């Protein structure tokens, strides 16, 4: 689970902002919304972010997506960019480093990852953990010294021989993460690998308003026999005529351009590329929905392909498949503009269903749908609500509802939000 995520000088975030999942005192809603870790830390399972268009909501999610990408992306050469984008609406910040800080739990052990980088190379990167102590214990650090990465392990905690250190250092190009280099060396780094595996297995990519998730959802349904019944409950609420979902895996010829791209991908092992030279087929997922209609002839069933489903049905199918996966194996899932193509009552049902589910899964959700604020103290906790607001100089700020005084006296949080009490509204001048 994530405890906090800090960002500085990334996209619209000029100054440091912090998204904190720590539960505060005084929120009435508990139950499965709060998870207590072994060290007593209480973490929230939901963060809901409001803000005007272009206020920074999506950039908050993109920051985490970038970090996931950066951890594992190998670089073909030192000339490749790190892909980070600093704050560009200032004369100084483009030449200043981008900084990320992430505190998270693997099982019940807290880790702290920090990285500072510019568009050409990593300036500093380090990983610590809290080994039965209130103070963090360093696991590794790497620094940029005279054009190359210098890597050091904390030998008192993790024994790494000089050969392994040299191998990882050699492969750790200045423009890529330690973890990407570590994955190219056959060795055992137990405490470090727990953090690596958490990022790889327990976090999910951002679901945006235009994310096509049909292939993913269909493949998950083929693997999980319980998913079908779960999904039908949701898609039926989006389209009450839907009574069944049929998923079929098909084998088709691989397009030449895709095959060429895969063969040129440096992240694909050589043995897999050799297989690609002879195996030129790919597996595709075909998803169809069964609609039951009632007319003068009685009840009739018709099967329609996914392309003929409403956008709301398609998006519900994808989002709920992802949430089902997140809940099932305790993953972190970011969703941008959850209300896109969804009916308001369906949004509330999705969030309510998630918050009542047990486990350690987390959602980070952005939205414009302010009627949800009417459920504060009933469904939503005050400390789950966040806002983004853009200043006159173009920078984004991130702050919590709990930063405001007197919120316990507010009767309607939606009305207060619309009246500008919390900011984070579009600047509409009439």
Protein backbone atom coordinates (compact mmCIF):
# COMPACT_ATOMS: atom_id res chain seq x y z
CA UNK A 1 0.00 0.00 0.00
CA UNK A 2 1.07 3.58 -0.65
CA UNK A 3 1.58 5.93 2.29
CA UNK A 4 2.61 9.08 0.44
CA UNK A 5 3.74 10.29 -2.96
CA UNK A 6 5.70 13.54 -3.42
CA UNK A 7 6.34 15.29 -6.72
CA UNK A 8 8.44 18.32 -7.63
CA UNK A 9 9.10 19.93 -10.98
CA UNK A 10 7.09 17.50 -13.07
CA UNK A 11 4.69 18.74 -15.76
CA UNK A 12 2.42 21.30 -14.09
CA UNK A 13 3.79 20.65 -10.58
CA UNK A 14 6.49 23.25 -10.06
CA UNK A 15 6.81 23.19 -6.28
CA UNK A 16 6.67 20.04 -4.18
CA UNK A 17 3.23 18.55 -3.61
CA UNK A 18 2.33 15.55 -1.48
CA UNK A 19 -0.53 13.07 -1.84
CA UNK A 20 -0.93 11.38 1.53
CA UNK A 21 -2.96 8.24 2.17
CA UNK A 22 -2.60 8.43 5.94
CA UNK A 23 -5.93 8.40 7.75
CA UNK A 24 -6.53 11.40 9.99
CA UNK A 25 -8.42 11.47 13.25
CA UNK A 26 -11.96 12.71 13.31
CA UNK A 27 -13.36 11.03 10.19
CA UNK A 28 -16.44 9.04 11.06
CA UNK A 29 -16.36 6.50 8.26
CA UNK A 30 -14.20 3.48 8.96
CA UNK A 31 -14.73 -0.17 8.21
CA UNK A 32 -12.84 -1.44 5.19
CA UNK A 33 -11.81 2.07 4.12
CA UNK A 34 -8.92 2.13 6.58
CA UNK A 35 -6.16 -0.48 6.85
CA UNK A 36 -3.93 -0.60 9.91
CA UNK A 37 -0.38 -1.75 9.24
CA UNK A 38 1.78 -3.72 11.67
CA UNK A 39 3.58 -0.55 12.82
CA UNK A 40 0.28 1.16 13.66
CA UNK A 41 0.12 3.31 10.52
CA UNK A 42 -3.48 3.67 9.28
CA UNK A 43 -3.83 4.00 5.51
CA UNK A 44 -6.78 4.93 3.32
CA UNK A 45 -7.90 2.83 0.37
CA UNK A 46 -9.25 5.76 -1.66
CA UNK A 47 -8.11 9.22 -2.72
CA UNK A 48 -10.61 11.26 -4.75
CA UNK A 49 -9.21 14.32 -6.53
CA UNK A 50 -11.30 17.30 -7.72
CA UNK A 51 -10.20 20.20 -9.86
CA UNK A 52 -10.93 22.28 -12.93
CA UNK A 53 -9.80 21.21 -16.39
CA UNK A 54 -6.03 21.60 -16.81
CA UNK A 55 -5.58 22.03 -13.05
CA UNK A 56 -3.17 19.11 -12.70
CA UNK A 57 -5.43 16.16 -11.83
CA UNK A 58 -4.27 14.01 -14.73
CA UNK A 59 -0.64 15.03 -14.20
CA UNK A 60 -0.82 13.60 -10.69
CA UNK A 61 -1.70 10.21 -12.13
CA UNK A 62 0.82 10.59 -14.95
CA UNK A 63 3.54 11.18 -12.36
CA UNK A 64 2.95 7.76 -10.90
CA UNK A 65 2.69 6.23 -14.36
CA UNK A 66 6.03 7.78 -15.24
CA UNK A 67 7.62 6.28 -12.14
CA UNK A 68 6.35 2.81 -13.05
CA UNK A 69 7.72 3.25 -16.56
CA UNK A 70 11.04 4.60 -15.34
CA UNK A 71 11.67 1.78 -12.89
CA UNK A 72 11.71 -0.89 -15.56
CA UNK A 73 12.50 0.76 -18.91
CA UNK A 74 15.88 -0.24 -20.28
CA UNK A 75 17.75 2.30 -22.37
CA UNK A 76 19.47 1.28 -25.59
CA UNK A 77 22.11 3.99 -25.27
CA UNK A 78 23.25 6.86 -23.08
CA UNK A 79 21.81 9.30 -25.62
CA UNK A 80 18.19 8.31 -24.91
CA UNK A 81 16.16 10.80 -22.87
CA UNK A 82 14.83 9.89 -19.44
CA UNK A 83 11.39 11.03 -20.69
CA UNK A 84 10.72 13.23 -17.69
CA UNK A 85 9.01 16.56 -18.38
CA UNK A 86 9.82 19.42 -15.99
CA UNK A 87 7.67 22.48 -15.36
CA UNK A 88 8.09 24.50 -18.56
CA UNK A 89 6.33 27.76 -17.68
CA UNK A 90 9.34 29.20 -15.89
CA UNK A 91 12.79 30.33 -16.97
CA UNK A 92 14.61 28.25 -14.31
CA UNK A 93 12.73 24.99 -13.82
CA UNK A 94 13.55 23.35 -17.20
CA UNK A 95 17.18 23.11 -16.08
CA UNK A 96 16.30 22.00 -12.54
CA UNK A 97 15.81 18.33 -11.54
CA UNK A 98 12.52 16.50 -11.31
CA UNK A 99 12.08 14.80 -7.94
CA UNK A 100 9.89 11.93 -6.79
CA UNK A 101 9.51 10.43 -3.33
CA UNK A 102 7.38 7.36 -2.67
CA UNK A 103 6.69 5.71 0.68
CA UNK A 104 4.94 2.36 0.44
CA UNK A 105 4.41 -0.90 2.26
CA UNK A 106 5.33 -4.33 1.00
CA UNK A 107 3.28 -6.60 3.23
CA UNK A 108 3.92 -4.78 6.53
CA UNK A 109 7.39 -3.42 5.80
CA UNK A 110 7.64 0.26 4.89
CA UNK A 111 9.94 1.36 2.05
CA UNK A 112 11.08 4.80 0.95
CA UNK A 113 12.20 5.42 -2.61
CA UNK A 114 13.63 8.75 -3.82
CA UNK A 115 14.91 9.81 -7.21
CA UNK A 116 16.18 13.08 -8.66
CA UNK A 117 16.67 13.30 -12.42
CA UNK A 118 16.73 15.64 -15.37
CA UNK A 119 15.99 14.95 -19.01
CA UNK A 120 19.48 13.49 -19.62
CA UNK A 121 20.45 11.48 -16.52
CA UNK A 122 19.66 10.38 -12.97
CA UNK A 123 21.29 12.68 -10.42
CA UNK A 124 20.50 10.60 -7.34
CA UNK A 125 18.46 7.47 -6.61
CA UNK A 126 18.09 5.58 -3.35
CA UNK A 127 15.94 3.01 -1.59
CA UNK A 128 15.54 2.64 2.16
CA UNK A 129 13.32 0.56 4.42
CA UNK A 130 12.19 0.73 8.02
CA UNK A 131 13.81 -2.36 9.52
CA UNK A 132 12.12 -2.50 12.92
CA UNK A 133 13.11 1.12 13.45
CA UNK A 134 11.50 4.54 13.32
CA UNK A 135 14.42 5.70 11.18
CA UNK A 136 14.93 4.50 7.59
CA UNK A 137 17.79 2.14 6.80
CA UNK A 138 19.50 2.67 3.44
CA UNK A 139 19.52 -0.31 1.06
CA UNK A 140 21.24 1.26 -1.95
CA UNK A 141 22.13 4.63 -3.39
CA UNK A 142 23.44 5.72 -6.78
CA UNK A 143 24.83 9.10 -7.75
CA UNK A 144 25.93 10.76 -10.95
CA UNK A 145 29.68 11.36 -10.74
CA UNK A 146 31.80 12.55 -13.67
CA UNK A 147 29.46 11.26 -16.35
CA UNK A 148 28.65 7.86 -14.87
CA UNK A 149 26.53 6.20 -12.20
CA UNK A 150 28.24 5.27 -8.95
CA UNK A 151 26.34 2.54 -7.07
CA UNK A 152 26.72 1.62 -3.40
CA UNK A 153 24.92 -1.02 -1.32
CA UNK A 154 24.52 -0.98 2.44
CA UNK A 155 26.67 -4.04 3.16
CA UNK A 156 25.55 -4.16 6.79
CA UNK A 157 22.03 -4.99 5.65
CA UNK A 158 22.37 -6.61 2.22
CA UNK A 159 25.48 -8.55 1.27
CA UNK A 160 26.42 -7.92 -2.35
CA UNK A 161 29.77 -9.09 -3.69
CA UNK A 162 31.94 -6.80 -5.75
CA UNK A 163 31.31 -8.71 -8.99
CA UNK A 164 27.53 -8.20 -8.78
CA UNK A 165 28.01 -4.55 -7.84
CA UNK A 166 30.27 -4.04 -10.85
CA UNK A 167 27.84 -5.83 -13.21
CA UNK A 168 24.86 -3.74 -12.14
CA UNK A 169 26.93 -0.55 -12.21
CA UNK A 170 28.13 -1.35 -15.74
CA UNK A 171 24.57 -1.91 -16.97
CA UNK A 172 23.11 1.06 -15.07
CA UNK A 173 23.31 3.75 -17.73
CA UNK A 174 23.04 7.29 -16.33
CA UNK A 175 19.64 7.77 -18.00
CA UNK A 176 17.83 4.75 -16.51
CA UNK A 177 16.75 3.38 -13.14
CA UNK A 178 18.73 1.06 -10.90
CA UNK A 179 15.89 -1.47 -11.15
CA UNK A 180 16.09 -1.67 -14.94
CA UNK A 181 19.81 -2.44 -14.64
CA UNK A 182 19.31 -4.86 -11.76
CA UNK A 183 16.89 -6.90 -13.89
CA UNK A 184 19.69 -7.60 -16.37
CA UNK A 185 21.90 -9.25 -13.73
CA UNK A 186 21.28 -12.75 -12.43
CA UNK A 187 21.59 -12.30 -8.68
CA UNK A 188 19.58 -12.30 -5.47
CA UNK A 189 18.85 -9.04 -3.66
CA UNK A 190 15.93 -10.10 -1.41
CA UNK A 191 15.08 -6.86 0.39
CA UNK A 192 15.46 -4.77 -2.76
CA UNK A 193 13.60 -7.25 -4.94
CA UNK A 194 10.58 -7.10 -2.63
CA UNK A 195 10.22 -3.41 -3.54
CA UNK A 196 10.83 -4.12 -7.22
CA UNK A 197 8.20 -6.87 -7.28
CA UNK A 198 5.69 -4.64 -5.48
CA UNK A 199 5.98 -1.96 -8.16
CA UNK A 200 5.79 -4.53 -10.96
CA UNK A 201 2.99 -6.72 -9.57
CA UNK A 202 0.98 -4.54 -7.16
CA UNK A 203 0.57 -1.34 -9.16
CA UNK A 204 -1.48 -0.86 -12.31
CA UNK A 205 -1.26 1.64 -15.18
CA UNK A 206 -3.60 4.64 -15.37
CA UNK A 207 -7.05 4.11 -16.84
CA UNK A 208 -7.91 7.24 -18.78
CA UNK A 209 -11.16 8.33 -20.47
CA UNK A 210 -9.96 6.90 -23.80
CA UNK A 211 -8.17 3.78 -22.56
CA UNK A 212 -9.23 0.78 -24.63
CA UNK A 213 -9.55 -2.05 -22.15
CA UNK A 214 -11.56 -4.63 -24.04
CA UNK A 215 -8.64 -6.92 -24.82
CA UNK A 216 -7.42 -6.78 -21.22
CA UNK A 217 -10.92 -7.33 -19.78
CA UNK A 218 -11.61 -10.26 -22.08
CA UNK A 219 -8.29 -11.96 -21.25
CA UNK A 220 -8.95 -11.55 -17.52
CA UNK A 221 -12.37 -13.13 -17.93
CA UNK A 222 -10.80 -16.15 -19.63
CA UNK A 223 -8.46 -16.60 -16.65
CA UNK A 224 -10.94 -15.88 -13.84
CA UNK A 225 -14.14 -17.91 -13.72
CA UNK A 226 -15.63 -15.69 -10.98
CA UNK A 227 -15.12 -12.48 -12.94
CA UNK A 228 -17.98 -13.07 -15.37
CA UNK A 229 -20.70 -13.02 -12.71
CA UNK A 230 -19.10 -10.00 -11.05
CA UNK A 231 -18.92 -8.04 -14.31
CA UNK A 232 -22.46 -8.89 -15.39
CA UNK A 233 -23.75 -7.20 -12.24
CA UNK A 234 -22.15 -3.94 -13.37
CA UNK A 235 -22.73 -3.97 -17.12
CA UNK A 236 -26.36 -4.81 -16.49
CA UNK A 237 -26.61 -1.56 -14.57
CA UNK A 238 -25.16 0.27 -17.58
CA UNK A 239 -27.44 -1.55 -20.04
CA UNK A 240 -30.23 -3.57 -18.43
CA UNK A 241 -30.72 -5.67 -21.59
CA UNK A 242 -27.30 -7.35 -21.20
CA UNK A 243 -27.71 -10.82 -19.73
CA UNK A 244 -24.47 -12.57 -20.70
CA UNK A 245 -20.91 -12.04 -21.93
CA UNK A 246 -19.10 -14.42 -24.27
CA UNK A 247 -15.32 -14.28 -24.59
CA UNK A 248 -13.35 -16.25 -27.17
CA UNK A 249 -9.63 -16.36 -27.91
CA UNK A 250 -8.66 -16.42 -31.59
CA UNK A 251 -5.36 -16.84 -33.40
CA UNK A 252 -4.66 -14.42 -36.25
CA UNK A 253 -1.66 -13.59 -38.47
CA UNK A 254 0.66 -11.02 -36.90
CA UNK A 255 0.83 -7.74 -38.85
CA UNK A 256 4.28 -7.23 -40.34
CA UNK A 257 4.75 -3.79 -38.73
CA UNK A 258 4.06 -5.16 -35.22
CA UNK A 259 6.45 -8.08 -35.78
CA UNK A 260 9.17 -5.67 -36.93
CA UNK A 261 8.61 -3.45 -33.89
CA UNK A 262 8.88 -6.40 -31.50
CA UNK A 263 12.07 -7.63 -33.12
CA UNK A 264 13.62 -4.19 -32.62
CA UNK A 265 12.50 -3.87 -28.98
CA UNK A 266 15.53 -4.01 -26.67
CA UNK A 267 13.39 -5.14 -23.72
CA UNK A 268 12.40 -8.43 -25.39
CA UNK A 269 14.77 -11.36 -24.70
CA UNK A 270 16.67 -12.80 -27.65
CA UNK A 271 15.07 -16.23 -27.27
CA UNK A 272 11.62 -14.65 -27.61
CA UNK A 273 12.78 -12.84 -30.75
CA UNK A 274 13.98 -16.13 -32.25
CA UNK A 275 10.50 -17.54 -31.68
CA UNK A 276 8.99 -14.51 -33.40
CA UNK A 277 10.93 -15.31 -36.56
CA UNK A 278 9.00 -18.58 -36.99
CA UNK A 279 5.77 -17.94 -35.10
CA UNK A 280 3.93 -15.18 -36.97
CA UNK A 281 0.52 -15.48 -35.31
CA UNK A 282 -0.97 -13.56 -32.42
CA UNK A 283 -3.82 -14.37 -30.07
CA UNK A 284 -6.74 -11.95 -30.02
CA UNK A 285 -9.73 -11.70 -27.71
CA UNK A 286 -13.24 -11.54 -29.16
CA UNK A 287 -15.86 -10.25 -26.70
CA UNK A 288 -19.59 -10.31 -27.42
CA UNK A 289 -22.53 -9.29 -25.26
CA UNK A 290 -25.84 -11.13 -25.17
CA UNK A 291 -28.87 -8.83 -25.08
CA UNK A 292 -32.24 -10.18 -23.95
CA UNK A 293 -35.22 -8.18 -25.19
CA UNK A 294 -38.92 -8.63 -24.53
CA UNK A 295 -41.41 -8.03 -27.32
CA UNK A 296 -44.68 -9.44 -28.69
CA UNK A 297 -42.87 -12.73 -29.37
CA UNK A 298 -41.68 -12.99 -25.77
CA UNK A 299 -38.06 -13.01 -24.57
CA UNK A 300 -35.46 -13.09 -27.37
CA UNK A 301 -31.65 -13.17 -27.17
CA UNK A 302 -29.34 -11.39 -29.61
CA UNK A 303 -25.54 -11.39 -29.58
CA UNK A 304 -23.81 -8.12 -30.45
CA UNK A 305 -20.07 -7.48 -30.81
CA UNK A 306 -18.20 -5.13 -28.52
CA UNK A 307 -18.03 -2.49 -31.27
CA UNK A 308 -21.81 -2.05 -31.10
CA UNK A 309 -21.93 -1.52 -27.33
CA UNK A 310 -22.40 1.91 -25.83
CA UNK A 311 -19.30 3.73 -24.60
CA UNK A 312 -20.70 3.53 -21.06
CA UNK A 313 -21.02 -0.26 -21.27
CA UNK A 314 -17.51 -0.60 -22.69
CA UNK A 315 -15.97 1.63 -20.05
CA UNK A 316 -17.85 -0.09 -17.21
CA UNK A 317 -16.63 -3.45 -18.52
CA UNK A 318 -13.01 -2.29 -18.45
CA UNK A 319 -13.02 -0.32 -15.19
CA UNK A 320 -14.73 -3.01 -13.18
CA UNK A 321 -12.44 -5.70 -14.53
CA UNK A 322 -9.47 -3.63 -13.36
CA UNK A 323 -11.04 -2.97 -9.95
CA UNK A 324 -11.84 -6.66 -9.57
CA UNK A 325 -8.17 -7.46 -10.22
CA UNK A 326 -7.02 -4.72 -7.83
CA UNK A 327 -9.29 -5.95 -5.04
CA UNK A 328 -8.43 -9.59 -5.64
CA UNK A 329 -4.66 -9.21 -5.23
CA UNK A 330 -4.35 -5.91 -3.32
CA UNK A 331 -3.16 -3.62 -6.11
CA UNK A 332 -2.99 0.14 -6.52
CA UNK A 333 -5.13 1.45 -9.40
CA UNK A 334 -5.32 5.04 -10.74
CA UNK A 335 -8.42 6.08 -12.72
CA UNK A 336 -8.64 9.43 -14.51
CA UNK A 337 -12.05 11.08 -14.88
CA UNK A 338 -14.02 8.11 -13.62
CA UNK A 339 -17.30 9.81 -14.57
CA UNK A 340 -16.48 9.72 -18.31
CA UNK A 341 -19.39 7.97 -20.11
CA UNK A 342 -20.79 6.66 -16.81
CA UNK A 343 -24.14 7.44 -15.22
CA UNK A 344 -23.83 9.19 -11.82
CA UNK A 345 -25.59 6.39 -9.94
CA UNK A 346 -23.17 3.89 -11.50
CA UNK A 347 -20.18 5.93 -10.31
CA UNK A 348 -21.48 5.91 -6.76
CA UNK A 349 -22.22 2.18 -6.94
CA UNK A 350 -18.70 1.42 -8.22
CA UNK A 351 -17.03 3.38 -5.42
CA UNK A 352 -19.37 2.06 -2.74
CA UNK A 353 -18.77 -1.54 -3.85
CA UNK A 354 -15.01 -0.99 -3.78
CA UNK A 355 -14.97 0.70 -0.36
CA UNK A 356 -17.02 -2.09 1.20
CA UNK A 357 -14.69 -4.78 -0.12
CA UNK A 358 -12.00 -6.06 2.29
CA UNK A 359 -8.27 -6.04 1.64
CA UNK A 360 -5.42 -3.64 0.94
CA UNK A 361 -6.22 -2.46 -2.57
CA UNK A 362 -6.15 1.29 -3.24
CA UNK A 363 -7.80 3.60 -5.76
CA UNK A 364 -6.57 7.03 -6.86
CA UNK A 365 -9.45 8.64 -8.76
CA UNK A 366 -9.88 12.02 -10.43
CA UNK A 367 -13.33 13.41 -11.15
CA UNK A 368 -15.50 16.43 -11.87
CA UNK A 369 -18.58 14.73 -10.42
CA UNK A 370 -19.19 16.88 -7.34
CA UNK A 371 -22.50 15.28 -6.14
CA UNK A 372 -20.22 12.64 -4.59
CA UNK A 373 -19.32 15.32 -2.06
CA UNK A 374 -22.83 14.93 -0.64
CA UNK A 375 -21.77 11.47 0.57
CA UNK A 376 -18.97 12.80 2.81
CA UNK A 377 -19.38 11.36 6.32
CA UNK A 378 -21.69 8.72 4.86
CA UNK A 379 -19.78 6.95 2.08
CA UNK A 380 -16.66 9.08 1.72
CA UNK A 381 -14.21 10.21 4.39
CA UNK A 382 -13.08 13.83 4.60
CA UNK A 383 -9.42 12.80 4.39
CA UNK A 384 -10.10 10.97 1.11
CA UNK A 385 -10.97 14.22 -0.69
CA UNK A 386 -8.25 16.21 -2.49
CA UNK A 387 -8.17 19.23 -4.79
CA UNK A 388 -5.88 20.53 -7.52
CA UNK A 389 -5.76 24.19 -8.46
CA UNK A 390 -3.66 26.05 -11.02
CA UNK A 391 -2.09 29.38 -10.07
CA UNK A 392 -1.69 32.42 -12.29
CA UNK A 393 1.89 31.38 -13.05
CA UNK A 394 0.65 28.03 -14.40
CA UNK A 395 1.80 25.82 -11.52
CA UNK A 396 -0.51 23.21 -9.95
CA UNK A 397 -1.15 22.93 -6.24
CA UNK A 398 -2.50 19.85 -4.45
CA UNK A 399 -4.25 20.05 -1.09
CA UNK A 400 -6.63 18.09 1.10
CA UNK A 401 -10.14 18.85 2.32
CA UNK A 402 -8.80 18.36 5.85
CA UNK A 403 -6.50 21.37 5.36
CA UNK A 404 -9.55 23.62 5.83
CA UNK A 405 -10.73 24.75 9.24
CA UNK A 406 -14.34 24.38 10.31
CA UNK A 407 -15.19 21.52 7.93
CA UNK A 408 -17.01 19.65 10.70
CA UNK A 409 -19.62 22.43 10.67
CA UNK A 410 -20.29 22.22 6.91
CA UNK A 411 -23.72 20.77 6.04
CA UNK A 412 -23.28 20.46 2.27
CA UNK A 413 -19.78 19.88 0.91
CA UNK A 414 -21.07 19.98 -2.66
CA UNK A 415 -22.63 23.42 -2.15
CA UNK A 416 -19.51 24.68 -0.40
CA UNK A 417 -17.36 23.42 -3.27
CA UNK A 418 -19.57 25.06 -5.89
CA UNK A 419 -19.49 28.31 -3.90
CA UNK A 420 -15.70 28.36 -4.10
CA UNK A 421 -14.96 27.56 -0.46
CA UNK A 422 -12.34 24.96 -1.43
CA UNK A 423 -11.16 26.55 -4.67
CA UNK A 424 -10.32 24.10 -7.48
CA UNK A 425 -13.03 25.50 -9.77
CA UNK A 426 -12.83 26.72 -13.36
CA UNK A 427 -12.39 30.49 -13.70
CA UNK A 428 -15.54 31.26 -15.65
CA UNK A 429 -16.19 34.95 -16.19
CA UNK A 430 -19.57 36.12 -17.40
